[in-house]
């Protein structure tokens, strides 16, 4: 997935706003972040999933999906591999 595709998908959610946070774009509904681009670096995005969704996505494609390290990851926050858009 490219960063442009990640952004486009995030913005399809109703009432989503793209805002900057800690030097990278994030996507919010009702003031709450549900996705971030460039976390922990430009090769990754982050999406908030349920722990069950996270387990299924990581099992299906561990090269693309990984739990975020620490407590956030235990609650479903997941990194998604992205590549730069051309």
PDB file of N, CA and C in Angstrom:
ATOM      1  N   UNK A   1       0.844  -1.159   0.000  1.00  0.00           N
ATOM      2  CA  UNK A   1       0.000   0.000   0.000  1.00  0.00           C
ATOM      3  C   UNK A   1       0.897   1.231   0.000  1.00  0.00           C
ATOM      4  N   UNK A   2       0.502   2.230  -0.774  1.00  0.00           N
ATOM      5  CA  UNK A   2       1.262   3.474  -0.773  1.00  0.00           C
ATOM      6  C   UNK A   2       0.717   4.409   0.302  1.00  0.00           C
ATOM      7  N   UNK A   3       1.498   5.425   0.618  1.00  0.00           N
ATOM      8  CA  UNK A   3       1.028   6.410   1.596  1.00  0.00           C
ATOM      9  C   UNK A   3      -0.197   7.157   1.071  1.00  0.00           C
ATOM     10  N   UNK A   4      -0.269   7.396  -0.249  1.00  0.00           N
ATOM     11  CA  UNK A   4      -1.451   8.047  -0.821  1.00  0.00           C
ATOM     12  C   UNK A   4      -2.691   7.171  -0.663  1.00  0.00           C
ATOM     13  N   UNK A   5      -2.546   5.863  -0.876  1.00  0.00           N
ATOM     14  CA  UNK A   5      -3.678   4.947  -0.708  1.00  0.00           C
ATOM     15  C   UNK A   5      -4.108   4.898   0.752  1.00  0.00           C
ATOM     16  N   UNK A   6      -3.152   4.830   1.668  1.00  0.00           N
ATOM     17  CA  UNK A   6      -3.450   4.841   3.100  1.00  0.00           C
ATOM     18  C   UNK A   6      -4.266   6.083   3.449  1.00  0.00           C
ATOM     19  N   UNK A   7      -3.789   7.245   2.997  1.00  0.00           N
ATOM     20  CA  UNK A   7      -4.469   8.515   3.263  1.00  0.00           C
ATOM     21  C   UNK A   7      -5.879   8.507   2.670  1.00  0.00           C
ATOM     22  N   UNK A   8      -5.997   8.087   1.424  1.00  0.00           N
ATOM     23  CA  UNK A   8      -7.298   8.072   0.750  1.00  0.00           C
ATOM     24  C   UNK A   8      -8.289   7.170   1.492  1.00  0.00           C
ATOM     25  N   UNK A   9      -7.838   5.985   1.912  1.00  0.00           N
ATOM     26  CA  UNK A   9      -8.710   5.075   2.651  1.00  0.00           C
ATOM     27  C   UNK A   9      -9.130   5.679   3.991  1.00  0.00           C
ATOM     28  N   UNK A  10      -8.192   6.271   4.700  1.00  0.00           N
ATOM     29  CA  UNK A  10      -8.521   6.879   5.994  1.00  0.00           C
ATOM     30  C   UNK A  10      -9.554   7.985   5.825  1.00  0.00           C
ATOM     31  N   UNK A  11      -9.414   8.769   4.775  1.00  0.00           N
ATOM     32  CA  UNK A  11     -10.321   9.892   4.570  1.00  0.00           C
ATOM     33  C   UNK A  11     -11.704   9.480   4.065  1.00  0.00           C
ATOM     34  N   UNK A  12     -11.894   8.190   3.717  1.00  0.00           N
ATOM     35  CA  UNK A  12     -13.227   7.735   3.318  1.00  0.00           C
ATOM     36  C   UNK A  12     -14.147   7.537   4.516  1.00  0.00           C
ATOM     37  N   UNK A  13     -13.574   7.460   5.712  1.00  0.00           N
ATOM     38  CA  UNK A  13     -14.393   7.314   6.912  1.00  0.00           C
ATOM     39  C   UNK A  13     -15.188   8.605   7.118  1.00  0.00           C
ATOM     40  N   UNK A  14     -16.497   8.499   7.400  1.00  0.00           N
ATOM     41  CA  UNK A  14     -17.304   9.712   7.589  1.00  0.00           C
ATOM     42  C   UNK A  14     -16.735  10.609   8.686  1.00  0.00           C
ATOM     43  N   UNK A  15     -16.742  11.912   8.411  1.00  0.00           N
ATOM     44  CA  UNK A  15     -16.339  12.947   9.357  1.00  0.00           C
ATOM     45  C   UNK A  15     -14.863  12.911   9.736  1.00  0.00           C
ATOM     46  N   UNK A  16     -14.030  12.278   8.923  1.00  0.00           N
ATOM     47  CA  UNK A  16     -12.597  12.212   9.206  1.00  0.00           C
ATOM     48  C   UNK A  16     -11.915  13.535   8.889  1.00  0.00           C
ATOM     49  N   UNK A  17     -11.044  13.943   9.788  1.00  0.00           N
ATOM     50  CA  UNK A  17     -10.181  15.099   9.571  1.00  0.00           C
ATOM     51  C   UNK A  17      -8.736  14.635   9.597  1.00  0.00           C
ATOM     52  N   UNK A  18      -7.924  15.187   8.690  1.00  0.00           N
ATOM     53  CA  UNK A  18      -6.484  14.939   8.728  1.00  0.00           C
ATOM     54  C   UNK A  18      -5.837  16.092   9.483  1.00  0.00           C
ATOM     55  N   UNK A  19      -5.066  15.750  10.508  1.00  0.00           N
ATOM     56  CA  UNK A  19      -4.427  16.732  11.381  1.00  0.00           C
ATOM     57  C   UNK A  19      -2.983  16.296  11.586  1.00  0.00           C
ATOM     58  N   UNK A  20      -2.090  17.226  11.840  1.00  0.00           N
ATOM     59  CA  UNK A  20      -0.716  16.877  12.162  1.00  0.00           C
ATOM     60  C   UNK A  20      -0.558  16.599  13.646  1.00  0.00           C
ATOM     61  N   UNK A  21       0.289  15.629  13.960  1.00  0.00           N
ATOM     62  CA  UNK A  21       0.525  15.257  15.356  1.00  0.00           C
ATOM     63  C   UNK A  21       1.935  14.710  15.476  1.00  0.00           C
ATOM     64  N   UNK A  22       2.758  15.317  16.287  1.00  0.00           N
ATOM     65  CA  UNK A  22       4.131  14.870  16.520  1.00  0.00           C
ATOM     66  C   UNK A  22       4.926  14.707  15.222  1.00  0.00           C
ATOM     67  N   UNK A  23       4.701  15.620  14.279  1.00  0.00           N
ATOM     68  CA  UNK A  23       5.488  15.636  13.056  1.00  0.00           C
ATOM     69  C   UNK A  23       5.002  14.735  11.938  1.00  0.00           C
ATOM     70  N   UNK A  24       3.837  14.140  12.072  1.00  0.00           N
ATOM     71  CA  UNK A  24       3.299  13.314  10.989  1.00  0.00           C
ATOM     72  C   UNK A  24       1.781  13.432  10.959  1.00  0.00           C
ATOM     73  N   UNK A  25       1.164  13.121   9.805  1.00  0.00           N
ATOM     74  CA  UNK A  25      -0.291  13.255   9.701  1.00  0.00           C
ATOM     75  C   UNK A  25      -1.020  12.164  10.470  1.00  0.00           C
ATOM     76  N   UNK A  26      -2.126  12.570  11.095  1.00  0.00           N
ATOM     77  CA  UNK A  26      -3.008  11.577  11.690  1.00  0.00           C
ATOM     78  C   UNK A  26      -4.432  11.851  11.228  1.00  0.00           C
ATOM     79  N   UNK A  27      -5.289  10.877  11.455  1.00  0.00           N
ATOM     80  CA  UNK A  27      -6.665  10.919  10.983  1.00  0.00           C
ATOM     81  C   UNK A  27      -7.573  10.715  12.182  1.00  0.00           C
ATOM     82  N   UNK A  28      -8.566  11.620  12.326  1.00  0.00           N
ATOM     83  CA  UNK A  28      -9.389  11.646  13.524  1.00  0.00           C
ATOM     84  C   UNK A  28     -10.869  11.717  13.167  1.00  0.00           C
ATOM     85  N   UNK A  29     -11.661  11.129  14.027  1.00  0.00           N
ATOM     86  CA  UNK A  29     -13.114  11.296  14.007  1.00  0.00           C
ATOM     87  C   UNK A  29     -13.503  11.695  15.423  1.00  0.00           C
ATOM     88  N   UNK A  30     -14.247  12.780  15.533  1.00  0.00           N
ATOM     89  CA  UNK A  30     -14.655  13.247  16.854  1.00  0.00           C
ATOM     90  C   UNK A  30     -13.493  13.572  17.760  1.00  0.00           C
ATOM     91  N   UNK A  31     -12.366  14.015  17.169  1.00  0.00           N
ATOM     92  CA  UNK A  31     -11.190  14.375  17.950  1.00  0.00           C
ATOM     93  C   UNK A  31     -10.323  13.203  18.373  1.00  0.00           C
ATOM     94  N   UNK A  32     -10.708  11.981  18.016  1.00  0.00           N
ATOM     95  CA  UNK A  32      -9.937  10.792  18.421  1.00  0.00           C
ATOM     96  C   UNK A  32      -9.184  10.224  17.228  1.00  0.00           C
ATOM     97  N   UNK A  33      -7.901   9.956  17.423  1.00  0.00           N
ATOM     98  CA  UNK A  33      -7.045   9.410  16.370  1.00  0.00           C
ATOM     99  C   UNK A  33      -7.386   7.938  16.144  1.00  0.00           C
ATOM    100  N   UNK A  34      -7.584   7.570  14.858  1.00  0.00           N
ATOM    101  CA  UNK A  34      -7.776   6.163  14.526  1.00  0.00           C
ATOM    102  C   UNK A  34      -6.712   5.654  13.558  1.00  0.00           C
ATOM    103  N   UNK A  35      -5.937   6.558  12.955  1.00  0.00           N
ATOM    104  CA  UNK A  35      -4.872   6.149  12.039  1.00  0.00           C
ATOM    105  C   UNK A  35      -3.819   7.251  11.975  1.00  0.00           C
ATOM    106  N   UNK A  36      -2.590   6.847  11.697  1.00  0.00           N
ATOM    107  CA  UNK A  36      -1.466   7.772  11.603  1.00  0.00           C
ATOM    108  C   UNK A  36      -0.551   7.316  10.483  1.00  0.00           C
ATOM    109  N   UNK A  37      -0.017   8.251   9.728  1.00  0.00           N
ATOM    110  CA  UNK A  37       1.002   7.940   8.722  1.00  0.00           C
ATOM    111  C   UNK A  37       2.372   8.306   9.277  1.00  0.00           C
ATOM    112  N   UNK A  38       3.374   7.500   8.962  1.00  0.00           N
ATOM    113  CA  UNK A  38       4.736   7.822   9.373  1.00  0.00           C
ATOM    114  C   UNK A  38       5.063   7.454  10.801  1.00  0.00           C
ATOM    115  N   UNK A  39       4.399   6.424  11.329  1.00  0.00           N
ATOM    116  CA  UNK A  39       4.703   5.981  12.695  1.00  0.00           C
ATOM    117  C   UNK A  39       5.031   4.504  12.695  1.00  0.00           C
ATOM    118  N   UNK A  40       6.153   4.077  13.202  1.00  0.00           N
ATOM    119  CA  UNK A  40       7.179   4.863  13.892  1.00  0.00           C
ATOM    120  C   UNK A  40       8.137   5.584  12.952  1.00  0.00           C
ATOM    121  N   UNK A  41       8.100   5.275  11.650  1.00  0.00           N
ATOM    122  CA  UNK A  41       8.886   6.013  10.662  1.00  0.00           C
ATOM    123  C   UNK A  41       8.142   5.984   9.337  1.00  0.00           C
ATOM    124  N   UNK A  42       8.738   6.557   8.291  1.00  0.00           N
ATOM    125  CA  UNK A  42       8.035   6.736   7.009  1.00  0.00           C
ATOM    126  C   UNK A  42       7.652   5.423   6.321  1.00  0.00           C
ATOM    127  N   UNK A  43       8.176   4.301   6.773  1.00  0.00           N
ATOM    128  CA  UNK A  43       7.834   3.005   6.171  1.00  0.00           C
ATOM    129  C   UNK A  43       6.536   2.424   6.716  1.00  0.00           C
ATOM    130  N   UNK A  44       5.942   3.093   7.709  1.00  0.00           N
ATOM    131  CA  UNK A  44       4.790   2.528   8.412  1.00  0.00           C
ATOM    132  C   UNK A  44       3.664   3.531   8.598  1.00  0.00           C
ATOM    133  N   UNK A  45       2.479   2.993   8.712  1.00  0.00           N
ATOM    134  CA  UNK A  45       1.312   3.712   9.193  1.00  0.00           C
ATOM    135  C   UNK A  45       0.835   2.969  10.429  1.00  0.00           C
ATOM    136  N   UNK A  46      -0.140   3.530  11.123  1.00  0.00           N
ATOM    137  CA  UNK A  46      -0.710   2.875  12.294  1.00  0.00           C
ATOM    138  C   UNK A  46      -2.220   2.981  12.188  1.00  0.00           C
ATOM    139  N   UNK A  47      -2.899   1.886  12.502  1.00  0.00           N
ATOM    140  CA  UNK A  47      -4.354   1.889  12.587  1.00  0.00           C
ATOM    141  C   UNK A  47      -4.756   1.275  13.924  1.00  0.00           C
ATOM    142  N   UNK A  48      -5.852   1.764  14.465  1.00  0.00           N
ATOM    143  CA  UNK A  48      -6.368   1.195  15.711  1.00  0.00           C
ATOM    144  C   UNK A  48      -7.398   0.130  15.354  1.00  0.00           C
ATOM    145  N   UNK A  49      -7.124  -1.080  15.776  1.00  0.00           N
ATOM    146  CA  UNK A  49      -8.000  -2.225  15.564  1.00  0.00           C
ATOM    147  C   UNK A  49      -8.393  -2.798  16.918  1.00  0.00           C
ATOM    148  N   UNK A  50      -9.333  -3.712  16.911  1.00  0.00           N
ATOM    149  CA  UNK A  50      -9.572  -4.478  18.132  1.00  0.00           C
ATOM    150  C   UNK A  50      -8.444  -5.506  18.231  1.00  0.00           C
ATOM    151  N   UNK A  51      -8.163  -6.032  19.410  1.00  0.00           N
ATOM    152  CA  UNK A  51      -7.142  -7.085  19.502  1.00  0.00           C
ATOM    153  C   UNK A  51      -7.457  -8.285  18.606  1.00  0.00           C
ATOM    154  N   UNK A  52      -8.739  -8.615  18.445  1.00  0.00           N
ATOM    155  CA  UNK A  52      -9.119  -9.748  17.588  1.00  0.00           C
ATOM    156  C   UNK A  52      -8.844  -9.444  16.113  1.00  0.00           C
ATOM    157  N   UNK A  53      -9.154  -8.229  15.684  1.00  0.00           N
ATOM    158  CA  UNK A  53      -8.853  -7.837  14.301  1.00  0.00           C
ATOM    159  C   UNK A  53      -7.348  -7.849  14.073  1.00  0.00           C
ATOM    160  N   UNK A  54      -6.612  -7.307  15.035  1.00  0.00           N
ATOM    161  CA  UNK A  54      -5.155  -7.276  14.923  1.00  0.00           C
ATOM    162  C   UNK A  54      -4.594  -8.681  14.753  1.00  0.00           C
ATOM    163  N   UNK A  55      -5.052  -9.603  15.566  1.00  0.00           N
ATOM    164  CA  UNK A  55      -4.573 -10.983  15.490  1.00  0.00           C
ATOM    165  C   UNK A  55      -4.838 -11.573  14.105  1.00  0.00           C
ATOM    166  N   UNK A  56      -6.013 -11.332  13.552  1.00  0.00           N
ATOM    167  CA  UNK A  56      -6.353 -11.862  12.228  1.00  0.00           C
ATOM    168  C   UNK A  56      -5.492 -11.230  11.131  1.00  0.00           C
ATOM    169  N   UNK A  57      -5.308  -9.913  11.176  1.00  0.00           N
ATOM    170  CA  UNK A  57      -4.505  -9.234  10.147  1.00  0.00           C
ATOM    171  C   UNK A  57      -3.047  -9.669  10.209  1.00  0.00           C
ATOM    172  N   UNK A  58      -2.475  -9.732  11.402  1.00  0.00           N
ATOM    173  CA  UNK A  58      -1.076 -10.139  11.549  1.00  0.00           C
ATOM    174  C   UNK A  58      -0.896 -11.583  11.094  1.00  0.00           C
ATOM    175  N   UNK A  59      -1.837 -12.460  11.432  1.00  0.00           N
ATOM    176  CA  UNK A  59      -1.747 -13.861  11.003  1.00  0.00           C
ATOM    177  C   UNK A  59      -1.844 -13.976   9.488  1.00  0.00           C
ATOM    178  N   UNK A  60      -2.678 -13.137   8.868  1.00  0.00           N
ATOM    179  CA  UNK A  60      -2.873 -13.205   7.419  1.00  0.00           C
ATOM    180  C   UNK A  60      -1.659 -12.698   6.647  1.00  0.00           C
ATOM    181  N   UNK A  61      -0.975 -11.669   7.165  1.00  0.00           N
ATOM    182  CA  UNK A  61       0.162 -11.109   6.422  1.00  0.00           C
ATOM    183  C   UNK A  61       1.125 -10.405   7.379  1.00  0.00           C
ATOM    184  N   UNK A  62       1.983 -11.187   8.071  1.00  0.00           N
ATOM    185  CA  UNK A  62       2.895 -10.597   9.064  1.00  0.00           C
ATOM    186  C   UNK A  62       3.970  -9.692   8.463  1.00  0.00           C
ATOM    187  N   UNK A  63       4.164  -9.719   7.152  1.00  0.00           N
ATOM    188  CA  UNK A  63       5.116  -8.795   6.530  1.00  0.00           C
ATOM    189  C   UNK A  63       4.510  -7.397   6.389  1.00  0.00           C
ATOM    190  N   UNK A  64       3.192  -7.306   6.451  1.00  0.00           N
ATOM    191  CA  UNK A  64       2.502  -6.026   6.272  1.00  0.00           C
ATOM    192  C   UNK A  64       1.969  -5.474   7.589  1.00  0.00           C
ATOM    193  N   UNK A  65       1.527  -6.335   8.493  1.00  0.00           N
ATOM    194  CA  UNK A  65       0.900  -5.908   9.745  1.00  0.00           C
ATOM    195  C   UNK A  65       1.722  -6.374  10.934  1.00  0.00           C
ATOM    196  N   UNK A  66       1.833  -5.502  11.946  1.00  0.00           N
ATOM    197  CA  UNK A  66       2.550  -5.851  13.176  1.00  0.00           C
ATOM    198  C   UNK A  66       1.955  -5.059  14.334  1.00  0.00           C
ATOM    199  N   UNK A  67       1.851  -5.658  15.504  1.00  0.00           N
ATOM    200  CA  UNK A  67       1.385  -4.894  16.659  1.00  0.00           C
ATOM    201  C   UNK A  67       2.361  -3.760  16.976  1.00  0.00           C
ATOM    202  N   UNK A  68       1.838  -2.603  17.341  1.00  0.00           N
ATOM    203  CA  UNK A  68       2.671  -1.523  17.848  1.00  0.00           C
ATOM    204  C   UNK A  68       3.295  -2.024  19.151  1.00  0.00           C
ATOM    205  N   UNK A  69       4.530  -1.657  19.414  1.00  0.00           N
ATOM    206  CA  UNK A  69       5.189  -2.103  20.636  1.00  0.00           C
ATOM    207  C   UNK A  69       4.526  -1.493  21.863  1.00  0.00           C
ATOM    208  N   UNK A  70       4.518  -2.232  22.957  1.00  0.00           N
ATOM    209  CA  UNK A  70       4.023  -1.734  24.228  1.00  0.00           C
ATOM    210  C   UNK A  70       2.524  -1.901  24.412  1.00  0.00           C
ATOM    211  N   UNK A  71       1.997  -1.142  25.346  1.00  0.00           N
ATOM    212  CA  UNK A  71       0.607  -1.257  25.741  1.00  0.00           C
ATOM    213  C   UNK A  71      -0.391  -0.934  24.646  1.00  0.00           C
ATOM    214  N   UNK A  72      -0.086   0.060  23.810  1.00  0.00           N
ATOM    215  CA  UNK A  72      -1.006   0.390  22.715  1.00  0.00           C
ATOM    216  C   UNK A  72      -1.177  -0.812  21.796  1.00  0.00           C
ATOM    217  N   UNK A  73      -0.107  -1.505  21.501  1.00  0.00           N
ATOM    218  CA  UNK A  73      -0.175  -2.679  20.640  1.00  0.00           C
ATOM    219  C   UNK A  73      -0.985  -3.796  21.264  1.00  0.00           C
ATOM    220  N   UNK A  74      -0.898  -3.949  22.578  1.00  0.00           N
ATOM    221  CA  UNK A  74      -1.682  -4.974  23.265  1.00  0.00           C
ATOM    222  C   UNK A  74      -3.177  -4.676  23.186  1.00  0.00           C
ATOM    223  N   UNK A  75      -3.529  -3.404  22.978  1.00  0.00           N
ATOM    224  CA  UNK A  75      -4.937  -3.018  22.878  1.00  0.00           C
ATOM    225  C   UNK A  75      -5.404  -2.937  21.427  1.00  0.00           C
ATOM    226  N   UNK A  76      -4.558  -3.328  20.463  1.00  0.00           N
ATOM    227  CA  UNK A  76      -4.981  -3.399  19.071  1.00  0.00           C
ATOM    228  C   UNK A  76      -4.311  -2.433  18.118  1.00  0.00           C
ATOM    229  N   UNK A  77      -3.556  -1.456  18.617  1.00  0.00           N
ATOM    230  CA  UNK A  77      -2.865  -0.534  17.710  1.00  0.00           C
ATOM    231  C   UNK A  77      -1.882  -1.332  16.865  1.00  0.00           C
ATOM    232  N   UNK A  78      -1.962  -1.147  15.549  1.00  0.00           N
ATOM    233  CA  UNK A  78      -1.210  -1.993  14.623  1.00  0.00           C
ATOM    234  C   UNK A  78      -0.488  -1.162  13.576  1.00  0.00           C
ATOM    235  N   UNK A  79       0.769  -1.512  13.313  1.00  0.00           N
ATOM    236  CA  UNK A  79       1.503  -0.884  12.223  1.00  0.00           C
ATOM    237  C   UNK A  79       1.154  -1.569  10.916  1.00  0.00           C
ATOM    238  N   UNK A  80       1.118  -0.769   9.854  1.00  0.00           N
ATOM    239  CA  UNK A  80       0.842  -1.234   8.506  1.00  0.00           C
ATOM    240  C   UNK A  80       1.985  -0.759   7.617  1.00  0.00           C
ATOM    241  N   UNK A  81       2.618  -1.676   6.898  1.00  0.00           N
ATOM    242  CA  UNK A  81       3.713  -1.280   6.005  1.00  0.00           C
ATOM    243  C   UNK A  81       3.174  -0.428   4.865  1.00  0.00           C
ATOM    244  N   UNK A  82       3.825   0.686   4.615  1.00  0.00           N
ATOM    245  CA  UNK A  82       3.466   1.560   3.480  1.00  0.00           C
ATOM    246  C   UNK A  82       4.741   1.888   2.716  1.00  0.00           C
ATOM    247  N   UNK A  83       4.556   2.182   1.468  1.00  0.00           N
ATOM    248  CA  UNK A  83       5.698   2.653   0.671  1.00  0.00           C
ATOM    249  C   UNK A  83       5.356   4.059   0.177  1.00  0.00           C
ATOM    250  N   UNK A  84       6.389   4.781  -0.137  1.00  0.00           N
ATOM    251  CA  UNK A  84       6.191   6.156  -0.585  1.00  0.00           C
ATOM    252  C   UNK A  84       5.413   6.180  -1.894  1.00  0.00           C
ATOM    253  N   UNK A  85       4.542   7.154  -2.004  1.00  0.00           N
ATOM    254  CA  UNK A  85       3.805   7.342  -3.246  1.00  0.00           C
ATOM    255  C   UNK A  85       4.729   7.984  -4.262  1.00  0.00           C
ATOM    256  N   UNK A  86       4.489   7.670  -5.503  1.00  0.00           N
ATOM    257  CA  UNK A  86       5.362   8.223  -6.564  1.00  0.00           C
ATOM    258  C   UNK A  86       4.792   9.481  -7.139  1.00  0.00           C
TER     259      UNK A  86
END
